[in-house]
């Protein structure tokens, strides 16, 4: 099992530290450094900045939002980043959520599975550097009846095949991801529930495509905090968990809330959402069971984290992406080093 690092969003006041964290991860031999985007910093700019100041670590988008760019633009960005980084780019895609898609980008959040499938088709076709033409429900290239003509990508990517990941949570999305992608980006993953909530659906998609799980990258992100008081460490992540389970999306369309329910927290997920959407964010955070936080993070001593890493590896994880907690650069770097030590103690390095 390999380790990755997730820098999250740029522009939150820790930008210089984020670069230093990426450079330390590069020095420690981490496999990939991911950057996110929502409606603030964009991922490609951050990744080019990191790539220019690291040597070996891959850079990955977790995620490039599908409603933000046409598929051809995404192919251009992927080819450029792969070329500039010397073949170190991983393309992570996702549909985002209805609030961001419709509120920020003005793109209707409908038929996300079909839209994702067409998007991936076009990106992959463009990356072959063949002349691009496509007839689908959501995209038609070139537009009929106009001056457009099939064009081909002029940039030569460093590699013939750039790894393509999809951020997936729901069963149907996970199955399609297994079918059409090279890897899955997961959030709030519990090793205890990973088979039924994610891996079984990914496997079904692989089988539909006539493939096995061999070579497919199961890549969850987990917050990491090192220390002896697991309860106190869990409390650090209450606002984070409350935001996703309670407030990320609408009452009818919150993928993270639905995931918590599938993990057996039906009553608790409803209470967290009720409190959060009513404005009681502190109450929502307090309502989160410590077990839910503990199951979806890496907390405790290096020895305890090593045991958890073994459980994730046994559940099918191939790249474990860490989001190291800490109020200072020294804290985050220490957490990175603890992650490396835990991996070695787990016998997974």
C-alpha atoms as a PDB file:
ATOM      1  CA  UNK A   1       0.000   0.000   0.000  1.00  0.00           C
ATOM      2  CA  UNK A   2       1.268   3.436  -0.955  1.00  0.00           C
ATOM      3  CA  UNK A   3       0.765   6.738   0.845  1.00  0.00           C
ATOM      4  CA  UNK A   4      -0.501  10.010  -0.567  1.00  0.00           C
ATOM      5  CA  UNK A   5      -1.002  13.509   0.809  1.00  0.00           C
ATOM      6  CA  UNK A   6      -4.035  15.760   0.317  1.00  0.00           C
ATOM      7  CA  UNK A   7      -3.389  19.486   0.596  1.00  0.00           C
ATOM      8  CA  UNK A   8      -7.079  20.373   0.471  1.00  0.00           C
ATOM      9  CA  UNK A   9      -7.943  23.888  -0.682  1.00  0.00           C
ATOM     10  CA  UNK A  10      -5.387  26.592  -1.375  1.00  0.00           C
ATOM     11  CA  UNK A  11      -5.885  30.112  -0.055  1.00  0.00           C
ATOM     12  CA  UNK A  12      -6.877  29.214   3.507  1.00  0.00           C
ATOM     13  CA  UNK A  13      -3.906  31.008   5.052  1.00  0.00           C
ATOM     14  CA  UNK A  14      -1.497  28.065   5.084  1.00  0.00           C
ATOM     15  CA  UNK A  15      -0.211  28.216   1.518  1.00  0.00           C
ATOM     16  CA  UNK A  16       3.496  28.431   2.322  1.00  0.00           C
ATOM     17  CA  UNK A  17       3.080  25.562   4.777  1.00  0.00           C
ATOM     18  CA  UNK A  18       1.216  23.512   2.151  1.00  0.00           C
ATOM     19  CA  UNK A  19       4.155  23.743  -0.220  1.00  0.00           C
ATOM     20  CA  UNK A  20       6.550  22.725   2.551  1.00  0.00           C
ATOM     21  CA  UNK A  21       4.286  19.771   3.410  1.00  0.00           C
ATOM     22  CA  UNK A  22       4.289  18.660  -0.238  1.00  0.00           C
ATOM     23  CA  UNK A  23       8.073  18.926  -0.385  1.00  0.00           C
ATOM     24  CA  UNK A  24       8.441  16.881   2.798  1.00  0.00           C
ATOM     25  CA  UNK A  25       6.082  14.249   1.421  1.00  0.00           C
ATOM     26  CA  UNK A  26       8.228  14.174  -1.722  1.00  0.00           C
ATOM     27  CA  UNK A  27      11.362  13.662   0.396  1.00  0.00           C
ATOM     28  CA  UNK A  28       9.688  10.893   2.436  1.00  0.00           C
ATOM     29  CA  UNK A  29       8.682   8.967  -0.674  1.00  0.00           C
ATOM     30  CA  UNK A  30       4.936   9.593  -0.682  1.00  0.00           C
ATOM     31  CA  UNK A  31       3.406   8.479  -3.980  1.00  0.00           C
ATOM     32  CA  UNK A  32       1.072  11.374  -4.800  1.00  0.00           C
ATOM     33  CA  UNK A  33       0.109  14.872  -3.718  1.00  0.00           C
ATOM     34  CA  UNK A  34      -3.540  15.774  -4.348  1.00  0.00           C
ATOM     35  CA  UNK A  35      -5.118  19.249  -4.453  1.00  0.00           C
ATOM     36  CA  UNK A  36      -8.800  20.096  -4.295  1.00  0.00           C
ATOM     37  CA  UNK A  37     -11.093  22.770  -5.692  1.00  0.00           C
ATOM     38  CA  UNK A  38     -14.617  23.920  -4.900  1.00  0.00           C
ATOM     39  CA  UNK A  39     -15.342  27.625  -5.463  1.00  0.00           C
ATOM     40  CA  UNK A  40     -12.056  29.179  -4.387  1.00  0.00           C
ATOM     41  CA  UNK A  41      -8.633  28.012  -5.509  1.00  0.00           C
ATOM     42  CA  UNK A  42      -8.448  25.930  -8.672  1.00  0.00           C
ATOM     43  CA  UNK A  43      -6.536  22.666  -8.646  1.00  0.00           C
ATOM     44  CA  UNK A  44      -4.404  22.967 -11.837  1.00  0.00           C
ATOM     45  CA  UNK A  45      -2.676  26.177 -10.742  1.00  0.00           C
ATOM     46  CA  UNK A  46      -1.821  24.695  -7.358  1.00  0.00           C
ATOM     47  CA  UNK A  47      -0.580  21.460  -8.907  1.00  0.00           C
ATOM     48  CA  UNK A  48       1.684  23.256 -11.369  1.00  0.00           C
ATOM     49  CA  UNK A  49       3.147  25.238  -8.452  1.00  0.00           C
ATOM     50  CA  UNK A  50       3.789  22.057  -6.471  1.00  0.00           C
ATOM     51  CA  UNK A  51       5.151  20.149  -9.462  1.00  0.00           C
ATOM     52  CA  UNK A  52       7.682  22.894 -10.177  1.00  0.00           C
ATOM     53  CA  UNK A  53       9.099  22.598  -6.657  1.00  0.00           C
ATOM     54  CA  UNK A  54       9.121  18.832  -6.131  1.00  0.00           C
ATOM     55  CA  UNK A  55      11.046  16.054  -7.822  1.00  0.00           C
ATOM     56  CA  UNK A  56       9.432  12.619  -7.600  1.00  0.00           C
ATOM     57  CA  UNK A  57       5.961  12.786  -6.100  1.00  0.00           C
ATOM     58  CA  UNK A  58       2.984  12.554  -8.454  1.00  0.00           C
ATOM     59  CA  UNK A  59       0.509  15.435  -8.532  1.00  0.00           C
ATOM     60  CA  UNK A  60      -3.206  14.757  -8.731  1.00  0.00           C
ATOM     61  CA  UNK A  61      -6.486  16.636  -8.967  1.00  0.00           C
ATOM     62  CA  UNK A  62      -8.934  15.583  -6.282  1.00  0.00           C
ATOM     63  CA  UNK A  63     -10.911  16.776  -8.037  1.00  0.00           C
ATOM     64  CA  UNK A  64     -11.263  18.727 -11.260  1.00  0.00           C
ATOM     65  CA  UNK A  65     -14.966  19.558 -11.240  1.00  0.00           C
ATOM     66  CA  UNK A  66     -16.808  18.349 -14.317  1.00  0.00           C
ATOM     67  CA  UNK A  67     -19.232  21.306 -14.458  1.00  0.00           C
ATOM     68  CA  UNK A  68     -16.314  23.751 -14.393  1.00  0.00           C
ATOM     69  CA  UNK A  69     -14.729  22.761 -17.696  1.00  0.00           C
ATOM     70  CA  UNK A  70     -15.576  21.264 -21.032  1.00  0.00           C
ATOM     71  CA  UNK A  71     -14.048  17.800 -21.462  1.00  0.00           C
ATOM     72  CA  UNK A  72     -11.721  19.070 -24.187  1.00  0.00           C
ATOM     73  CA  UNK A  73     -10.400  21.741 -21.822  1.00  0.00           C
ATOM     74  CA  UNK A  74      -9.766  19.079 -19.199  1.00  0.00           C
ATOM     75  CA  UNK A  75      -7.820  17.021 -21.740  1.00  0.00           C
ATOM     76  CA  UNK A  76      -5.702  20.099 -22.538  1.00  0.00           C
ATOM     77  CA  UNK A  77      -5.050  20.717 -18.834  1.00  0.00           C
ATOM     78  CA  UNK A  78      -4.157  17.088 -18.172  1.00  0.00           C
ATOM     79  CA  UNK A  79      -1.778  16.924 -21.127  1.00  0.00           C
ATOM     80  CA  UNK A  80      -0.100  20.184 -20.115  1.00  0.00           C
ATOM     81  CA  UNK A  81       0.343  19.220 -16.462  1.00  0.00           C
ATOM     82  CA  UNK A  82       1.668  15.798 -17.409  1.00  0.00           C
ATOM     83  CA  UNK A  83       4.163  17.362 -19.785  1.00  0.00           C
ATOM     84  CA  UNK A  84       5.322  20.066 -17.354  1.00  0.00           C
ATOM     85  CA  UNK A  85       5.663  17.606 -14.461  1.00  0.00           C
ATOM     86  CA  UNK A  86       7.624  15.026 -16.426  1.00  0.00           C
ATOM     87  CA  UNK A  87       4.847  12.430 -16.410  1.00  0.00           C
ATOM     88  CA  UNK A  88       3.680  12.852 -12.818  1.00  0.00           C
ATOM     89  CA  UNK A  89       0.050  13.916 -13.256  1.00  0.00           C
ATOM     90  CA  UNK A  90      -3.044  11.963 -12.174  1.00  0.00           C
ATOM     91  CA  UNK A  91      -6.425  13.198 -13.387  1.00  0.00           C
ATOM     92  CA  UNK A  92      -9.153  13.044 -10.754  1.00  0.00           C
ATOM     93  CA  UNK A  93     -12.673  14.024 -11.836  1.00  0.00           C
ATOM     94  CA  UNK A  94     -16.006  14.512 -10.099  1.00  0.00           C
ATOM     95  CA  UNK A  95     -19.413  16.046 -10.660  1.00  0.00           C
ATOM     96  CA  UNK A  96     -19.225  18.112  -7.443  1.00  0.00           C
ATOM     97  CA  UNK A  97     -22.662  18.714  -5.876  1.00  0.00           C
ATOM     98  CA  UNK A  98     -25.868  20.433  -6.926  1.00  0.00           C
ATOM     99  CA  UNK A  99     -25.203  23.600  -4.904  1.00  0.00           C
ATOM    100  CA  UNK A 100     -21.804  24.207  -6.488  1.00  0.00           C
ATOM    101  CA  UNK A 101     -22.713  22.967  -9.951  1.00  0.00           C
ATOM    102  CA  UNK A 102     -25.842  25.082 -10.267  1.00  0.00           C
ATOM    103  CA  UNK A 103     -24.994  27.918  -7.893  1.00  0.00           C
ATOM    104  CA  UNK A 104     -21.403  28.599  -8.911  1.00  0.00           C
ATOM    105  CA  UNK A 105     -21.065  27.237 -12.433  1.00  0.00           C
ATOM    106  CA  UNK A 106     -24.628  27.575 -13.654  1.00  0.00           C
ATOM    107  CA  UNK A 107     -24.630  23.981 -14.872  1.00  0.00           C
ATOM    108  CA  UNK A 108     -27.701  21.872 -14.239  1.00  0.00           C
ATOM    109  CA  UNK A 109     -26.972  18.969 -11.892  1.00  0.00           C
ATOM    110  CA  UNK A 110     -28.846  16.299 -13.807  1.00  0.00           C
ATOM    111  CA  UNK A 111     -27.958  12.815 -15.015  1.00  0.00           C
ATOM    112  CA  UNK A 112     -24.531  12.852 -13.289  1.00  0.00           C
ATOM    113  CA  UNK A 113     -23.703   9.263 -14.264  1.00  0.00           C
ATOM    114  CA  UNK A 114     -24.393   9.732 -17.965  1.00  0.00           C
ATOM    115  CA  UNK A 115     -22.628  13.088 -17.935  1.00  0.00           C
ATOM    116  CA  UNK A 116     -19.552  11.572 -16.279  1.00  0.00           C
ATOM    117  CA  UNK A 117     -19.418   8.683 -18.732  1.00  0.00           C
ATOM    118  CA  UNK A 118     -19.556  10.995 -21.759  1.00  0.00           C
ATOM    119  CA  UNK A 119     -17.013  13.331 -20.179  1.00  0.00           C
ATOM    120  CA  UNK A 120     -14.530  10.506 -19.629  1.00  0.00           C
ATOM    121  CA  UNK A 121     -15.127   9.228 -23.171  1.00  0.00           C
ATOM    122  CA  UNK A 122     -14.294  12.623 -24.661  1.00  0.00           C
ATOM    123  CA  UNK A 123     -11.275  13.255 -22.414  1.00  0.00           C
ATOM    124  CA  UNK A 124      -9.793   9.885 -23.284  1.00  0.00           C
ATOM    125  CA  UNK A 125     -10.498  10.289 -26.977  1.00  0.00           C
ATOM    126  CA  UNK A 126      -8.893  13.736 -26.991  1.00  0.00           C
ATOM    127  CA  UNK A 127      -5.835  12.382 -25.193  1.00  0.00           C
ATOM    128  CA  UNK A 128      -5.213   9.887 -27.999  1.00  0.00           C
ATOM    129  CA  UNK A 129      -4.508  12.929 -30.219  1.00  0.00           C
ATOM    130  CA  UNK A 130      -6.950  11.702 -32.836  1.00  0.00           C
ATOM    131  CA  UNK A 131      -9.274  14.233 -34.420  1.00  0.00           C
ATOM    132  CA  UNK A 132     -12.041  14.799 -31.927  1.00  0.00           C
ATOM    133  CA  UNK A 133     -15.629  14.128 -32.873  1.00  0.00           C
ATOM    134  CA  UNK A 134     -18.358  12.912 -30.540  1.00  0.00           C
ATOM    135  CA  UNK A 135     -22.119  12.473 -30.572  1.00  0.00           C
ATOM    136  CA  UNK A 136     -23.717  12.130 -27.154  1.00  0.00           C
ATOM    137  CA  UNK A 137     -26.651  13.300 -25.101  1.00  0.00           C
ATOM    138  CA  UNK A 138     -24.659  16.009 -23.316  1.00  0.00           C
ATOM    139  CA  UNK A 139     -21.891  16.876 -25.788  1.00  0.00           C
ATOM    140  CA  UNK A 140     -21.705  16.936 -29.572  1.00  0.00           C
ATOM    141  CA  UNK A 141     -18.385  17.784 -31.194  1.00  0.00           C
ATOM    142  CA  UNK A 142     -18.148  19.581 -33.546  1.00  0.00           C
ATOM    143  CA  UNK A 143     -21.463  21.421 -33.215  1.00  0.00           C
ATOM    144  CA  UNK A 144     -23.640  20.484 -36.208  1.00  0.00           C
ATOM    145  CA  UNK A 145     -24.450  22.996 -38.912  1.00  0.00           C
ATOM    146  CA  UNK A 146     -21.651  25.420 -38.044  1.00  0.00           C
ATOM    147  CA  UNK A 147     -18.065  26.220 -38.967  1.00  0.00           C
ATOM    148  CA  UNK A 148     -16.519  23.840 -36.438  1.00  0.00           C
ATOM    149  CA  UNK A 149     -14.400  20.933 -37.598  1.00  0.00           C
ATOM    150  CA  UNK A 150     -12.769  18.007 -35.797  1.00  0.00           C
ATOM    151  CA  UNK A 151      -9.492  19.096 -34.210  1.00  0.00           C
ATOM    152  CA  UNK A 152      -6.785  17.183 -32.438  1.00  0.00           C
ATOM    153  CA  UNK A 153      -4.773  17.970 -29.333  1.00  0.00           C
ATOM    154  CA  UNK A 154      -1.492  19.652 -30.242  1.00  0.00           C
ATOM    155  CA  UNK A 155       0.240  19.025 -26.901  1.00  0.00           C
ATOM    156  CA  UNK A 156       2.034  15.713 -26.516  1.00  0.00           C
ATOM    157  CA  UNK A 157       1.490  14.297 -23.010  1.00  0.00           C
ATOM    158  CA  UNK A 158       4.522  12.764 -21.362  1.00  0.00           C
ATOM    159  CA  UNK A 159       2.716   9.411 -21.253  1.00  0.00           C
ATOM    160  CA  UNK A 160       0.320   7.666 -23.588  1.00  0.00           C
ATOM    161  CA  UNK A 161      -2.059   6.936 -20.711  1.00  0.00           C
ATOM    162  CA  UNK A 162      -2.631   9.381 -17.844  1.00  0.00           C
ATOM    163  CA  UNK A 163      -4.270   7.650 -14.856  1.00  0.00           C
ATOM    164  CA  UNK A 164      -7.892   8.752 -14.529  1.00  0.00           C
ATOM    165  CA  UNK A 165      -9.719   8.684 -11.196  1.00  0.00           C
ATOM    166  CA  UNK A 166     -13.321   9.480 -10.301  1.00  0.00           C
ATOM    167  CA  UNK A 167     -14.577  10.696  -6.944  1.00  0.00           C
ATOM    168  CA  UNK A 168     -17.424   8.343  -6.115  1.00  0.00           C
ATOM    169  CA  UNK A 169     -19.671   7.745  -3.112  1.00  0.00           C
ATOM    170  CA  UNK A 170     -22.968   6.173  -4.190  1.00  0.00           C
ATOM    171  CA  UNK A 171     -23.273   2.545  -5.335  1.00  0.00           C
ATOM    172  CA  UNK A 172     -24.139   3.346  -8.974  1.00  0.00           C
ATOM    173  CA  UNK A 173     -21.351   5.906  -9.272  1.00  0.00           C
ATOM    174  CA  UNK A 174     -18.887   3.464  -7.714  1.00  0.00           C
ATOM    175  CA  UNK A 175     -19.880   0.718 -10.135  1.00  0.00           C
ATOM    176  CA  UNK A 176     -19.490   3.029 -13.118  1.00  0.00           C
ATOM    177  CA  UNK A 177     -16.141   4.201 -11.746  1.00  0.00           C
ATOM    178  CA  UNK A 178     -14.912   0.631 -11.615  1.00  0.00           C
ATOM    179  CA  UNK A 179     -16.043   0.197 -15.189  1.00  0.00           C
ATOM    180  CA  UNK A 180     -14.540   3.320 -16.819  1.00  0.00           C
ATOM    181  CA  UNK A 181     -11.737   4.647 -14.566  1.00  0.00           C
ATOM    182  CA  UNK A 182      -8.282   3.626 -13.366  1.00  0.00           C
ATOM    183  CA  UNK A 183      -8.959   4.473  -9.745  1.00  0.00           C
ATOM    184  CA  UNK A 184     -11.545   5.689  -7.248  1.00  0.00           C
ATOM    185  CA  UNK A 185     -11.212   8.660  -4.904  1.00  0.00           C
ATOM    186  CA  UNK A 186     -13.111   7.902  -1.690  1.00  0.00           C
ATOM    187  CA  UNK A 187     -13.994  10.052   1.323  1.00  0.00           C
ATOM    188  CA  UNK A 188     -15.189   9.030   4.796  1.00  0.00           C
ATOM    189  CA  UNK A 189     -14.003   5.467   4.243  1.00  0.00           C
ATOM    190  CA  UNK A 190     -14.320   2.991   7.088  1.00  0.00           C
ATOM    191  CA  UNK A 191     -12.168  -0.115   6.857  1.00  0.00           C
ATOM    192  CA  UNK A 192     -14.936  -1.989   8.686  1.00  0.00           C
ATOM    193  CA  UNK A 193     -17.493  -1.113   6.003  1.00  0.00           C
ATOM    194  CA  UNK A 194     -15.358  -0.609   2.904  1.00  0.00           C
ATOM    195  CA  UNK A 195     -16.320  -3.867   1.215  1.00  0.00           C
ATOM    196  CA  UNK A 196     -20.072  -3.242   1.282  1.00  0.00           C
ATOM    197  CA  UNK A 197     -19.955   0.546   0.850  1.00  0.00           C
ATOM    198  CA  UNK A 198     -17.353   0.763  -1.923  1.00  0.00           C
ATOM    199  CA  UNK A 199     -15.184  -2.162  -3.010  1.00  0.00           C
ATOM    200  CA  UNK A 200     -18.017  -4.547  -3.913  1.00  0.00           C
ATOM    201  CA  UNK A 201     -19.507  -1.919  -6.229  1.00  0.00           C
ATOM    202  CA  UNK A 202     -16.135  -1.112  -7.791  1.00  0.00           C
ATOM    203  CA  UNK A 203     -15.534  -4.821  -8.342  1.00  0.00           C
ATOM    204  CA  UNK A 204     -18.911  -5.188 -10.040  1.00  0.00           C
ATOM    205  CA  UNK A 205     -17.981  -2.397 -12.418  1.00  0.00           C
ATOM    206  CA  UNK A 206     -14.645  -3.968 -13.197  1.00  0.00           C
ATOM    207  CA  UNK A 207     -16.342  -7.286 -13.908  1.00  0.00           C
ATOM    208  CA  UNK A 208     -18.840  -5.548 -16.196  1.00  0.00           C
ATOM    209  CA  UNK A 209     -15.878  -4.207 -18.180  1.00  0.00           C
ATOM    210  CA  UNK A 210     -14.258  -7.661 -18.255  1.00  0.00           C
ATOM    211  CA  UNK A 211     -11.543  -6.643 -15.801  1.00  0.00           C
ATOM    212  CA  UNK A 212     -10.395  -7.525 -12.289  1.00  0.00           C
ATOM    213  CA  UNK A 213      -9.353  -5.249  -9.446  1.00  0.00           C
ATOM    214  CA  UNK A 214      -5.721  -5.843 -10.415  1.00  0.00           C
ATOM    215  CA  UNK A 215      -4.117  -2.493 -11.170  1.00  0.00           C
ATOM    216  CA  UNK A 216      -7.164  -0.486 -10.054  1.00  0.00           C
ATOM    217  CA  UNK A 217      -6.248   2.152  -7.448  1.00  0.00           C
ATOM    218  CA  UNK A 218      -8.586   2.329  -4.445  1.00  0.00           C
ATOM    219  CA  UNK A 219      -7.624   5.674  -2.982  1.00  0.00           C
ATOM    220  CA  UNK A 220      -9.436   6.976   0.121  1.00  0.00           C
ATOM    221  CA  UNK A 221      -8.520  10.164   1.981  1.00  0.00           C
ATOM    222  CA  UNK A 222      -8.313  10.064   5.773  1.00  0.00           C
ATOM    223  CA  UNK A 223      -7.495  12.852   8.234  1.00  0.00           C
ATOM    224  CA  UNK A 224      -4.502  11.911  10.391  1.00  0.00           C
ATOM    225  CA  UNK A 225      -3.770  13.017  13.963  1.00  0.00           C
ATOM    226  CA  UNK A 226      -1.098  11.485  16.182  1.00  0.00           C
ATOM    227  CA  UNK A 227      -1.303  11.370  19.975  1.00  0.00           C
ATOM    228  CA  UNK A 228      -2.320   9.285  22.951  1.00  0.00           C
ATOM    229  CA  UNK A 229      -5.772  10.768  23.734  1.00  0.00           C
ATOM    230  CA  UNK A 230      -7.968   9.364  20.974  1.00  0.00           C
ATOM    231  CA  UNK A 231     -11.071  11.115  22.303  1.00  0.00           C
ATOM    232  CA  UNK A 232      -9.429  14.532  22.208  1.00  0.00           C
ATOM    233  CA  UNK A 233      -8.073  13.855  18.743  1.00  0.00           C
ATOM    234  CA  UNK A 234     -11.525  12.827  17.536  1.00  0.00           C
ATOM    235  CA  UNK A 235     -12.969  16.095  18.837  1.00  0.00           C
ATOM    236  CA  UNK A 236     -10.655  17.965  16.445  1.00  0.00           C
ATOM    237  CA  UNK A 237     -12.605  16.528  13.525  1.00  0.00           C
ATOM    238  CA  UNK A 238     -16.141  17.131  14.776  1.00  0.00           C
ATOM    239  CA  UNK A 239     -16.622  20.364  12.756  1.00  0.00           C
ATOM    240  CA  UNK A 240     -15.221  18.658   9.638  1.00  0.00           C
ATOM    241  CA  UNK A 241     -17.502  15.634   9.973  1.00  0.00           C
ATOM    242  CA  UNK A 242     -20.513  17.800  10.830  1.00  0.00           C
ATOM    243  CA  UNK A 243     -19.954  19.919   7.711  1.00  0.00           C
ATOM    244  CA  UNK A 244     -19.974  16.918   5.398  1.00  0.00           C
ATOM    245  CA  UNK A 245     -22.578  14.701   7.069  1.00  0.00           C
ATOM    246  CA  UNK A 246     -24.807  17.605   8.100  1.00  0.00           C
ATOM    247  CA  UNK A 247     -24.342  20.441   5.675  1.00  0.00           C
ATOM    248  CA  UNK A 248     -22.690  19.341   2.438  1.00  0.00           C
ATOM    249  CA  UNK A 249     -25.648  19.441   0.112  1.00  0.00           C
ATOM    250  CA  UNK A 250     -29.361  19.704   0.641  1.00  0.00           C
ATOM    251  CA  UNK A 251     -31.562  17.649   2.921  1.00  0.00           C
ATOM    252  CA  UNK A 252     -32.568  15.482  -0.032  1.00  0.00           C
ATOM    253  CA  UNK A 253     -29.164  15.318  -1.713  1.00  0.00           C
ATOM    254  CA  UNK A 254     -26.275  14.887   0.712  1.00  0.00           C
ATOM    255  CA  UNK A 255     -24.082  12.015  -0.484  1.00  0.00           C
ATOM    256  CA  UNK A 256     -22.022  11.974   2.713  1.00  0.00           C
ATOM    257  CA  UNK A 257     -25.090  11.771   4.917  1.00  0.00           C
ATOM    258  CA  UNK A 258     -26.326   8.859   2.836  1.00  0.00           C
ATOM    259  CA  UNK A 259     -22.941   7.154   3.247  1.00  0.00           C
ATOM    260  CA  UNK A 260     -23.101   7.520   7.037  1.00  0.00           C
ATOM    261  CA  UNK A 261     -26.540   5.917   6.941  1.00  0.00           C
ATOM    262  CA  UNK A 262     -25.203   2.993   4.892  1.00  0.00           C
ATOM    263  CA  UNK A 263     -22.527   2.537   7.564  1.00  0.00           C
ATOM    264  CA  UNK A 264     -25.240   1.994  10.169  1.00  0.00           C
ATOM    265  CA  UNK A 265     -25.625   5.523  11.543  1.00  0.00           C
ATOM    266  CA  UNK A 266     -29.173   6.096  10.289  1.00  0.00           C
ATOM    267  CA  UNK A 267     -30.530   7.846  13.391  1.00  0.00           C
ATOM    268  CA  UNK A 268     -27.352   9.775  14.100  1.00  0.00           C
ATOM    269  CA  UNK A 269     -26.999  11.011  10.514  1.00  0.00           C
ATOM    270  CA  UNK A 270     -30.554  12.357  10.582  1.00  0.00           C
ATOM    271  CA  UNK A 271     -29.931  14.192  13.861  1.00  0.00           C
ATOM    272  CA  UNK A 272     -26.638  15.678  12.654  1.00  0.00           C
ATOM    273  CA  UNK A 273     -28.293  16.944   9.490  1.00  0.00           C
ATOM    274  CA  UNK A 274     -31.314  18.359  11.319  1.00  0.00           C
ATOM    275  CA  UNK A 275     -29.138  20.317  13.713  1.00  0.00           C
ATOM    276  CA  UNK A 276     -26.710  21.539  11.078  1.00  0.00           C
ATOM    277  CA  UNK A 277     -29.360  22.740   8.638  1.00  0.00           C
ATOM    278  CA  UNK A 278     -31.234  24.503  11.439  1.00  0.00           C
ATOM    279  CA  UNK A 279     -28.098  26.531  12.197  1.00  0.00           C
ATOM    280  CA  UNK A 280     -26.964  24.577  15.271  1.00  0.00           C
ATOM    281  CA  UNK A 281     -23.511  23.631  14.012  1.00  0.00           C
ATOM    282  CA  UNK A 282     -22.149  23.078  17.525  1.00  0.00           C
ATOM    283  CA  UNK A 283     -25.044  20.753  18.283  1.00  0.00           C
ATOM    284  CA  UNK A 284     -24.451  18.880  15.040  1.00  0.00           C
ATOM    285  CA  UNK A 285     -20.779  18.407  15.941  1.00  0.00           C
ATOM    286  CA  UNK A 286     -21.682  17.219  19.432  1.00  0.00           C
ATOM    287  CA  UNK A 287     -24.151  14.684  18.003  1.00  0.00           C
ATOM    288  CA  UNK A 288     -21.490  12.848  16.006  1.00  0.00           C
ATOM    289  CA  UNK A 289     -20.612   9.513  17.621  1.00  0.00           C
ATOM    290  CA  UNK A 290     -16.918   9.261  18.422  1.00  0.00           C
ATOM    291  CA  UNK A 291     -16.953   5.841  16.762  1.00  0.00           C
ATOM    292  CA  UNK A 292     -17.982   7.383  13.428  1.00  0.00           C
ATOM    293  CA  UNK A 293     -15.056   9.809  13.581  1.00  0.00           C
ATOM    294  CA  UNK A 294     -12.651   7.100  14.692  1.00  0.00           C
ATOM    295  CA  UNK A 295     -13.764   4.808  11.858  1.00  0.00           C
ATOM    296  CA  UNK A 296     -13.187   7.466   9.191  1.00  0.00           C
ATOM    297  CA  UNK A 297      -9.888   8.947  10.395  1.00  0.00           C
ATOM    298  CA  UNK A 298      -6.485   7.738  11.561  1.00  0.00           C
ATOM    299  CA  UNK A 299      -6.107   8.659  15.218  1.00  0.00           C
ATOM    300  CA  UNK A 300      -3.816   7.712  18.077  1.00  0.00           C
ATOM    301  CA  UNK A 301      -0.313   6.405  18.531  1.00  0.00           C
ATOM    302  CA  UNK A 302       1.880   5.265  15.673  1.00  0.00           C
ATOM    303  CA  UNK A 303       1.196   1.683  16.723  1.00  0.00           C
ATOM    304  CA  UNK A 304      -2.573   2.194  16.629  1.00  0.00           C
ATOM    305  CA  UNK A 305      -2.382   3.915  13.252  1.00  0.00           C
ATOM    306  CA  UNK A 306      -0.253   1.035  11.929  1.00  0.00           C
ATOM    307  CA  UNK A 307      -2.987  -1.413  12.958  1.00  0.00           C
ATOM    308  CA  UNK A 308      -5.597   0.702  11.188  1.00  0.00           C
ATOM    309  CA  UNK A 309      -3.437   0.833   8.072  1.00  0.00           C
ATOM    310  CA  UNK A 310      -3.306  -2.958   8.047  1.00  0.00           C
ATOM    311  CA  UNK A 311      -7.102  -3.029   8.184  1.00  0.00           C
ATOM    312  CA  UNK A 312      -7.390  -0.650   5.225  1.00  0.00           C
ATOM    313  CA  UNK A 313      -4.903  -2.676   3.199  1.00  0.00           C
ATOM    314  CA  UNK A 314      -6.850  -5.857   3.972  1.00  0.00           C
ATOM    315  CA  UNK A 315     -10.046  -4.094   2.857  1.00  0.00           C
ATOM    316  CA  UNK A 316      -8.549  -3.407  -0.575  1.00  0.00           C
ATOM    317  CA  UNK A 317      -7.013   0.063  -0.283  1.00  0.00           C
ATOM    318  CA  UNK A 318      -3.993   0.499  -2.561  1.00  0.00           C
ATOM    319  CA  UNK A 319      -3.180   4.189  -1.982  1.00  0.00           C
ATOM    320  CA  UNK A 320      -3.997   5.679   1.423  1.00  0.00           C
ATOM    321  CA  UNK A 321      -4.140   9.461   1.180  1.00  0.00           C
ATOM    322  CA  UNK A 322      -3.473  11.321   4.406  1.00  0.00           C
ATOM    323  CA  UNK A 323      -4.672  14.777   5.418  1.00  0.00           C
ATOM    324  CA  UNK A 324      -2.344  15.507   8.356  1.00  0.00           C
ATOM    325  CA  UNK A 325      -3.872  17.674  11.054  1.00  0.00           C
ATOM    326  CA  UNK A 326      -1.923  20.344  12.876  1.00  0.00           C
ATOM    327  CA  UNK A 327      -1.948  24.022  13.726  1.00  0.00           C
ATOM    328  CA  UNK A 328       1.688  24.504  12.735  1.00  0.00           C
ATOM    329  CA  UNK A 329       3.940  23.332   9.934  1.00  0.00           C
ATOM    330  CA  UNK A 330       5.986  21.361  12.466  1.00  0.00           C
ATOM    331  CA  UNK A 331       2.852  19.487  13.573  1.00  0.00           C
ATOM    332  CA  UNK A 332       1.875  18.593  10.012  1.00  0.00           C
ATOM    333  CA  UNK A 333       5.392  17.483   9.100  1.00  0.00           C
ATOM    334  CA  UNK A 334       5.539  15.353  12.255  1.00  0.00           C
ATOM    335  CA  UNK A 335       2.250  13.732  11.233  1.00  0.00           C
ATOM    336  CA  UNK A 336       3.657  12.993   7.764  1.00  0.00           C
ATOM    337  CA  UNK A 337       6.672  11.296   9.295  1.00  0.00           C
ATOM    338  CA  UNK A 338       4.438   9.349  11.664  1.00  0.00           C
ATOM    339  CA  UNK A 339       2.470   8.139   8.658  1.00  0.00           C
ATOM    340  CA  UNK A 340       5.630   6.795   7.060  1.00  0.00           C
ATOM    341  CA  UNK A 341       6.677   5.145  10.318  1.00  0.00           C
ATOM    342  CA  UNK A 342       3.228   3.573  10.761  1.00  0.00           C
ATOM    343  CA  UNK A 343       3.299   2.168   7.237  1.00  0.00           C
ATOM    344  CA  UNK A 344       6.671   0.573   7.938  1.00  0.00           C
ATOM    345  CA  UNK A 345       5.505  -0.861  11.264  1.00  0.00           C
ATOM    346  CA  UNK A 346       2.449  -2.281   9.522  1.00  0.00           C
ATOM    347  CA  UNK A 347       4.752  -4.102   7.110  1.00  0.00           C
ATOM    348  CA  UNK A 348       3.159  -2.354   4.132  1.00  0.00           C
ATOM    349  CA  UNK A 349       6.003  -0.142   2.915  1.00  0.00           C
END
